[in-house]
Every structure is written in structure tokens, then in C-alpha cells.
Amino acid sequence: MIASSVAPDLTAATVLVAFAGVFLICFMKGAFGGGFAIVGIPLLSIVMDPVTAGGLLAPLFVAMDLYALRYWKASTWSRPDLVRLLPGLLIGIGLGYLLFRFLDHHAIAIIIAVVTLMFVGLWLAGGGKVAFRQRSTPKAITAGLTSGITTMVAHSGGPPLAMYLLPLGLSKEVYAGTTSLFFTLGNATKAVPWLLLVRPAGSDWTLMAICLLAIPSGVWLGWRIHGMLDQHQIYRACYGLLVVTALKLLWDGVSGYLG
């Protein structure tokens, strides 16, 4: 399925909503390193169809991630985890491209949403404490693969990655830095297939250029907020965002069938 993007009219409302959506995504990248981009997509969907929003965001993600690395430097990366995660991520993006073209991705959204809610439910049942677990190569490969598929299909690779990283008990800086580099590589890889699936047209490129202006302030503000929160607050916020993301995925999946 290869389609030209339906270019949105560059009205003041379109520009304002798209700018706000990109700013929110950048804020999340600054505060948590990435992985929660889906929270900004509903905003963009107010003024354009979701597929067009996905095509618009794909190249913008690359710019956001590269700017975020200004704050999440190499000292914040967990190399042992990235070595385990990245091969699955790259394979998952390839599988996600095939799924996007040929299969119904609403079912994938529902499955990921249910698994994520179960993960958060188990965390709450355990008293909302951070449980420290040993690294597991099979779990890392599974998380990377699943994240690659969902980031390609729905710009929502955060839940599978978080389900692997959060139980490791990484420091808040290393958690955010590792997540940031993971999605920098993932978003750079998926930009090309997304632009093949949804070819930007007309005013899309102008809107992208305008939205670029939201990146520096959004990432910086998120990074400042990250610095103000302690370890437990960051982890609680991540689990809370997982619930928001899961509910959004569940809604997308169910409404896709109902529609």
C-alpha cells in the first residue's frame, strides 16, 4: 500500500495544532528520552488523517532525536542493553513495513495495548515498586523486535522497550539516554520506508519546516523537567505514560474495527 499523503490545508489551526503536537513529542523526548511519541499523534489527527500525520512525523522524528542527543550524551547510554536490543529493532522495523503494507495493523495495536496494561497492572499489584531483574538476552531481543514492529506500524515503540528497561532499575539518566539512542537509530531507519508508504505532497514540506522550530524549546523544557524529578517520580511517570499509550493504542485498534 503506497499512497500519496493528503496534504493538509495550511490554515492557522492546522499550523498551531501540528506545532503543538511536535512540541509535546519533543517535550517527551527531553523528559524521558523518547518512546511516547504516540501521545502527540492524536493532536495532529485533529487536523489531518492519521496516516498523513505519520508521514509528516517520520522525518521530523529524526531531527528531534538528533537534537535530543545534545542532552542525552554517550555517558547516559547503557551499551550492554543496546547491544541486545538493536538487532531486534532493525528486524522489527522491516517486519512492521511488511505488516503495514499487507496486514491489518489494528490487531497489533490491540495486542500491544493489552500486554502493556497487564504489565502495568502487575507493577501496581506489586505495590508500585521498581523491581530489579537481571538482563535477559531473549527478553531484550523480543522487546527490540516488538518495538520495531510497533514503531513502524503506529509510531508507538515505547511500551515494549519500557517493559524491558524499567525492571532493570537503571538510573533515570541512563534510562532516558538509552531510550533516546534506541529511538534515534530506530526512527532514522524507519524514515525511508515511511516516506515510501506515505509520500509527502504539497504543503506537507512547508508544515514540516514550521514544526522544526518547536524542537529546541520542546526538548530543552522536557530535559529541565527531567532534572527536577527524582528517580521514583520518573519511573512513576513512565508507568503512567504507559497506561495513556496503551489506552490510545486500544482505542485505535477497536475503533479501526468499528469504523
Protein backbone atom coordinates (compact mmCIF):
# COMPACT_ATOMS: atom_id res chain seq x y z
CA MET A 1 0.00 0.00 0.00
CA ILE A 2 1.81 3.09 -1.26
CA ALA A 3 -0.13 6.32 -1.23
CA SER A 4 0.50 10.00 -1.57
CA SER A 5 -0.12 11.98 1.55
CA VAL A 6 -3.25 14.09 1.57
CA ALA A 7 -1.63 17.44 2.18
CA PRO A 8 -3.50 19.41 4.86
CA ASP A 9 -4.50 22.98 4.19
CA LEU A 10 -2.07 25.37 5.86
CA THR A 11 -4.67 27.17 7.94
CA ALA A 12 -3.74 28.83 11.21
CA ALA A 13 -5.46 26.00 13.09
CA THR A 14 -3.50 23.32 11.21
CA VAL A 15 -0.17 25.02 11.86
CA LEU A 16 -0.98 25.64 15.54
CA VAL A 17 -2.15 22.08 16.23
CA ALA A 18 0.76 20.48 14.34
CA PHE A 19 3.25 22.76 16.10
CA ALA A 20 1.72 21.88 19.49
CA GLY A 21 1.84 18.16 18.68
CA VAL A 22 5.51 18.26 17.69
CA PHE A 23 6.33 20.36 20.77
CA LEU A 24 4.63 17.77 23.01
CA ILE A 25 6.57 14.91 21.40
CA CYS A 26 9.83 16.85 21.80
CA PHE A 27 8.99 17.51 25.43
CA MET A 28 8.56 13.76 25.98
CA LYS A 29 11.90 13.10 24.30
CA GLY A 30 13.60 15.63 26.54
CA ALA A 31 11.97 14.34 29.70
CA PHE A 32 12.02 10.58 29.10
CA GLY A 33 14.34 10.03 26.13
CA GLY A 34 11.57 9.09 23.70
CA GLY A 35 9.21 6.21 23.27
CA PHE A 36 5.99 8.09 23.98
CA ALA A 37 5.58 9.84 20.64
CA ILE A 38 2.07 8.48 20.26
CA VAL A 39 0.80 10.99 22.82
CA GLY A 40 1.28 13.78 20.27
CA ILE A 41 -0.27 11.99 17.30
CA PRO A 42 -3.91 12.43 18.48
CA LEU A 43 -3.34 16.18 18.36
CA LEU A 44 -2.18 16.05 14.75
CA SER A 45 -5.09 13.78 13.88
CA ILE A 46 -7.46 16.64 14.70
CA VAL A 47 -6.37 18.49 11.58
CA MET A 48 -5.24 15.63 9.29
CA ASP A 49 -5.80 11.92 8.85
CA PRO A 50 -3.56 9.65 10.99
CA VAL A 51 -1.63 8.22 8.03
CA THR A 52 -0.75 11.71 6.82
CA ALA A 53 0.29 12.57 10.39
CA GLY A 54 2.57 9.52 10.42
CA GLY A 55 4.20 10.55 7.16
CA LEU A 56 4.64 14.10 8.42
CA LEU A 57 6.24 12.97 11.66
CA ALA A 58 8.62 10.34 10.24
CA PRO A 59 11.33 12.79 9.07
CA LEU A 60 10.67 15.13 11.99
CA PHE A 61 11.46 12.31 14.43
CA VAL A 62 14.99 12.14 13.01
CA ALA A 63 15.54 15.85 13.64
CA MET A 64 14.05 15.59 17.15
CA ASP A 65 16.24 12.63 18.07
CA LEU A 66 19.45 14.17 16.80
CA TYR A 67 18.76 17.33 18.78
CA ALA A 68 17.88 15.32 21.91
CA LEU A 69 21.31 13.65 21.78
CA ARG A 70 22.71 17.06 22.68
CA TYR A 71 21.41 16.32 26.18
CA TRP A 72 21.45 12.50 26.26
CA LYS A 73 25.15 12.02 25.59
CA ALA A 74 27.14 8.78 25.33
CA SER A 75 27.66 8.71 29.11
CA THR A 76 23.90 8.07 29.53
CA TRP A 77 23.73 5.06 27.20
CA SER A 78 23.54 1.51 28.56
CA ARG A 79 25.68 -0.24 25.98
CA PRO A 80 25.04 -3.80 27.22
CA ASP A 81 21.31 -3.29 26.74
CA LEU A 82 21.61 -1.53 23.39
CA VAL A 83 23.74 -4.39 22.02
CA ARG A 84 20.94 -6.78 22.93
CA LEU A 85 18.07 -4.55 21.76
CA LEU A 86 19.16 -3.06 18.45
CA PRO A 87 19.30 -6.17 16.22
CA GLY A 88 15.68 -6.97 17.08
CA LEU A 89 14.70 -3.34 16.48
CA LEU A 90 16.05 -3.32 12.92
CA ILE A 91 14.42 -6.64 12.05
CA GLY A 92 11.17 -5.47 13.64
CA ILE A 93 11.07 -2.33 11.50
CA GLY A 94 11.39 -4.50 8.40
CA LEU A 95 8.59 -6.77 9.59
CA GLY A 96 6.49 -3.73 10.51
CA TYR A 97 6.88 -2.39 6.97
CA LEU A 98 5.51 -5.66 5.57
CA LEU A 99 2.67 -5.71 8.12
CA PHE A 100 1.75 -2.11 7.28
CA ARG A 101 1.56 -2.98 3.60
CA PHE A 102 -0.28 -6.26 3.74
CA LEU A 103 -1.89 -6.96 7.13
CA ASP A 104 -4.45 -5.33 9.42
CA HIS A 105 -2.44 -3.36 11.97
CA HIS A 106 -5.44 -2.73 14.26
CA ALA A 107 -4.99 -6.20 15.78
CA ILE A 108 -1.34 -5.42 16.55
CA ALA A 109 -2.38 -2.22 18.34
CA ILE A 110 -4.91 -4.12 20.48
CA ILE A 111 -2.45 -6.87 21.42
CA ILE A 112 0.28 -4.40 22.42
CA ALA A 113 -2.25 -2.37 24.43
CA VAL A 114 -3.50 -5.39 26.37
CA VAL A 115 0.02 -6.67 27.13
CA THR A 116 1.09 -3.19 28.26
CA LEU A 117 -1.90 -2.81 30.59
CA MET A 118 -1.15 -6.24 32.06
CA PHE A 119 2.47 -5.19 32.63
CA VAL A 120 1.39 -2.02 34.46
CA GLY A 121 -1.23 -3.99 36.38
CA LEU A 122 1.41 -6.38 37.67
CA TRP A 123 3.55 -3.40 38.71
CA LEU A 124 0.61 -1.91 40.63
CA ALA A 125 -0.19 -5.29 42.20
CA GLY A 126 3.39 -5.35 43.49
CA GLY A 127 2.89 -2.08 45.31
CA GLY A 128 4.18 0.20 42.57
CA LYS A 129 7.80 -0.53 43.43
CA VAL A 130 10.67 -0.79 40.97
CA ALA A 131 11.60 -4.48 40.82
CA PHE A 132 15.18 -5.12 39.80
CA ARG A 133 15.74 -8.02 37.43
CA GLN A 134 18.75 -9.44 35.63
CA ARG A 135 19.37 -8.71 31.98
CA SER A 136 17.98 -11.31 29.61
CA THR A 137 19.13 -11.57 26.01
CA PRO A 138 15.96 -13.40 24.83
CA LYS A 139 13.75 -10.77 26.51
CA ALA A 140 15.85 -7.95 25.00
CA ILE A 141 15.59 -9.43 21.51
CA THR A 142 11.84 -9.85 21.92
CA ALA A 143 11.47 -6.28 23.21
CA GLY A 144 13.57 -4.86 20.36
CA LEU A 145 11.67 -6.85 17.74
CA THR A 146 8.25 -5.89 19.11
CA SER A 147 9.28 -2.27 19.48
CA GLY A 148 10.50 -2.20 15.88
CA ILE A 149 7.18 -3.54 14.61
CA THR A 150 5.03 -1.15 16.66
CA THR A 151 7.18 1.92 15.98
CA MET A 152 6.85 1.23 12.26
CA VAL A 153 3.13 0.47 12.34
CA ALA A 154 1.91 3.03 14.87
CA HIS A 155 4.85 5.25 15.96
CA SER A 156 4.48 3.52 19.31
CA GLY A 157 7.61 1.53 20.07
CA GLY A 158 7.80 2.80 23.64
CA PRO A 159 5.79 0.18 25.56
CA PRO A 160 7.82 -2.92 24.55
CA LEU A 161 11.11 -1.12 25.24
CA ALA A 162 9.89 0.21 28.59
CA MET A 163 8.70 -3.25 29.64
CA TYR A 164 12.28 -4.46 29.20
CA LEU A 165 14.19 -1.47 30.59
CA LEU A 166 12.08 -0.42 33.58
CA PRO A 167 12.58 -3.63 35.60
CA LEU A 168 16.37 -3.29 35.20
CA GLY A 169 16.35 -0.37 37.65
CA LEU A 170 18.60 1.85 35.56
CA SER A 171 19.27 5.37 36.82
CA LYS A 172 16.85 7.92 35.39
CA GLU A 173 19.62 9.43 33.22
CA VAL A 174 20.73 6.08 31.82
CA TYR A 175 17.13 5.01 31.21
CA ALA A 176 16.39 8.21 29.27
CA GLY A 177 19.71 8.19 27.40
CA THR A 178 19.39 4.54 26.37
CA THR A 179 15.83 5.12 25.21
CA SER A 180 16.91 8.22 23.30
CA LEU A 181 19.66 6.47 21.33
CA PHE A 182 17.45 3.43 20.71
CA PHE A 183 14.80 5.57 19.03
CA THR A 184 17.33 7.77 17.27
CA LEU A 185 18.53 4.71 15.38
CA GLY A 186 15.03 3.29 15.01
CA ASN A 187 13.45 6.48 13.70
CA ALA A 188 16.31 7.09 11.26
CA THR A 189 15.84 3.55 9.94
CA LYS A 190 12.06 3.75 9.57
CA ALA A 191 12.02 7.21 7.95
CA VAL A 192 12.76 5.80 4.49
CA PRO A 193 10.06 3.08 4.49
CA TRP A 194 7.53 5.55 5.92
CA LEU A 195 8.27 8.03 3.13
CA LEU A 196 7.81 5.17 0.66
CA LEU A 197 4.45 4.27 2.19
CA VAL A 198 3.17 7.83 2.54
CA ARG A 199 4.75 10.23 0.09
CA PRO A 200 4.54 13.83 1.40
CA ALA A 201 2.89 16.20 -1.02
CA GLY A 202 2.36 19.92 -1.42
CA SER A 203 2.16 21.82 1.84
CA ASP A 204 3.47 18.87 3.92
CA TRP A 205 7.04 20.05 3.47
CA THR A 206 6.17 23.61 4.47
CA LEU A 207 4.41 22.36 7.59
CA MET A 208 7.44 20.20 8.46
CA ALA A 209 9.71 23.24 8.19
CA ILE A 210 7.47 25.23 10.52
CA CYS A 211 7.32 22.38 13.04
CA LEU A 212 11.12 22.19 13.14
CA LEU A 213 11.01 25.41 15.16
CA ALA A 214 9.29 23.57 18.02
CA ILE A 215 12.14 21.11 18.51
CA PRO A 216 14.76 23.09 20.51
CA SER A 217 12.37 24.54 23.09
CA GLY A 218 10.37 21.32 23.46
CA VAL A 219 13.41 19.10 24.09
CA TRP A 220 15.03 21.67 26.40
CA LEU A 221 11.89 22.06 28.54
CA GLY A 222 11.49 18.30 28.86
CA TRP A 223 15.13 17.93 29.86
CA ARG A 224 14.74 20.60 32.55
CA ILE A 225 11.67 18.83 33.95
CA HIS A 226 13.60 15.55 33.97
CA GLY A 227 16.27 17.18 36.11
CA MET A 228 13.69 18.33 38.66
CA LEU A 229 12.21 14.86 39.22
CA ASP A 230 13.78 12.15 41.33
CA GLN A 231 14.23 8.52 40.36
CA HIS A 232 10.89 7.28 41.69
CA GLN A 233 8.95 10.17 40.18
CA ILE A 234 10.45 9.46 36.75
CA TYR A 235 9.58 5.78 36.99
CA ARG A 236 6.02 6.51 38.15
CA ALA A 237 5.63 8.97 35.28
CA CYS A 238 6.86 6.34 32.81
CA TYR A 239 4.36 3.78 34.07
CA GLY A 240 1.61 6.39 33.91
CA LEU A 241 2.52 7.24 30.33
CA LEU A 242 2.44 3.54 29.50
CA VAL A 243 -1.21 3.48 30.58
CA VAL A 244 -2.02 6.52 28.42
CA THR A 245 -0.21 5.00 25.45
CA ALA A 246 -1.88 1.61 25.91
CA LEU A 247 -5.35 3.15 26.11
CA LYS A 248 -4.66 5.16 22.97
CA LEU A 249 -3.50 2.02 21.14
CA LEU A 250 -6.55 0.12 22.37
CA TRP A 251 -8.84 2.88 21.15
CA ASP A 252 -7.12 3.00 17.76
CA GLY A 253 -7.40 -0.75 17.36
CA VAL A 254 -11.02 -1.11 18.45
CA SER A 255 -12.24 2.00 16.61
CA GLY A 256 -10.50 0.74 13.48
CA TYR A 257 -12.70 -2.36 13.51
CA LEU A 258 -15.85 -0.45 14.49
CA GLY A 259 -15.24 2.10 11.77
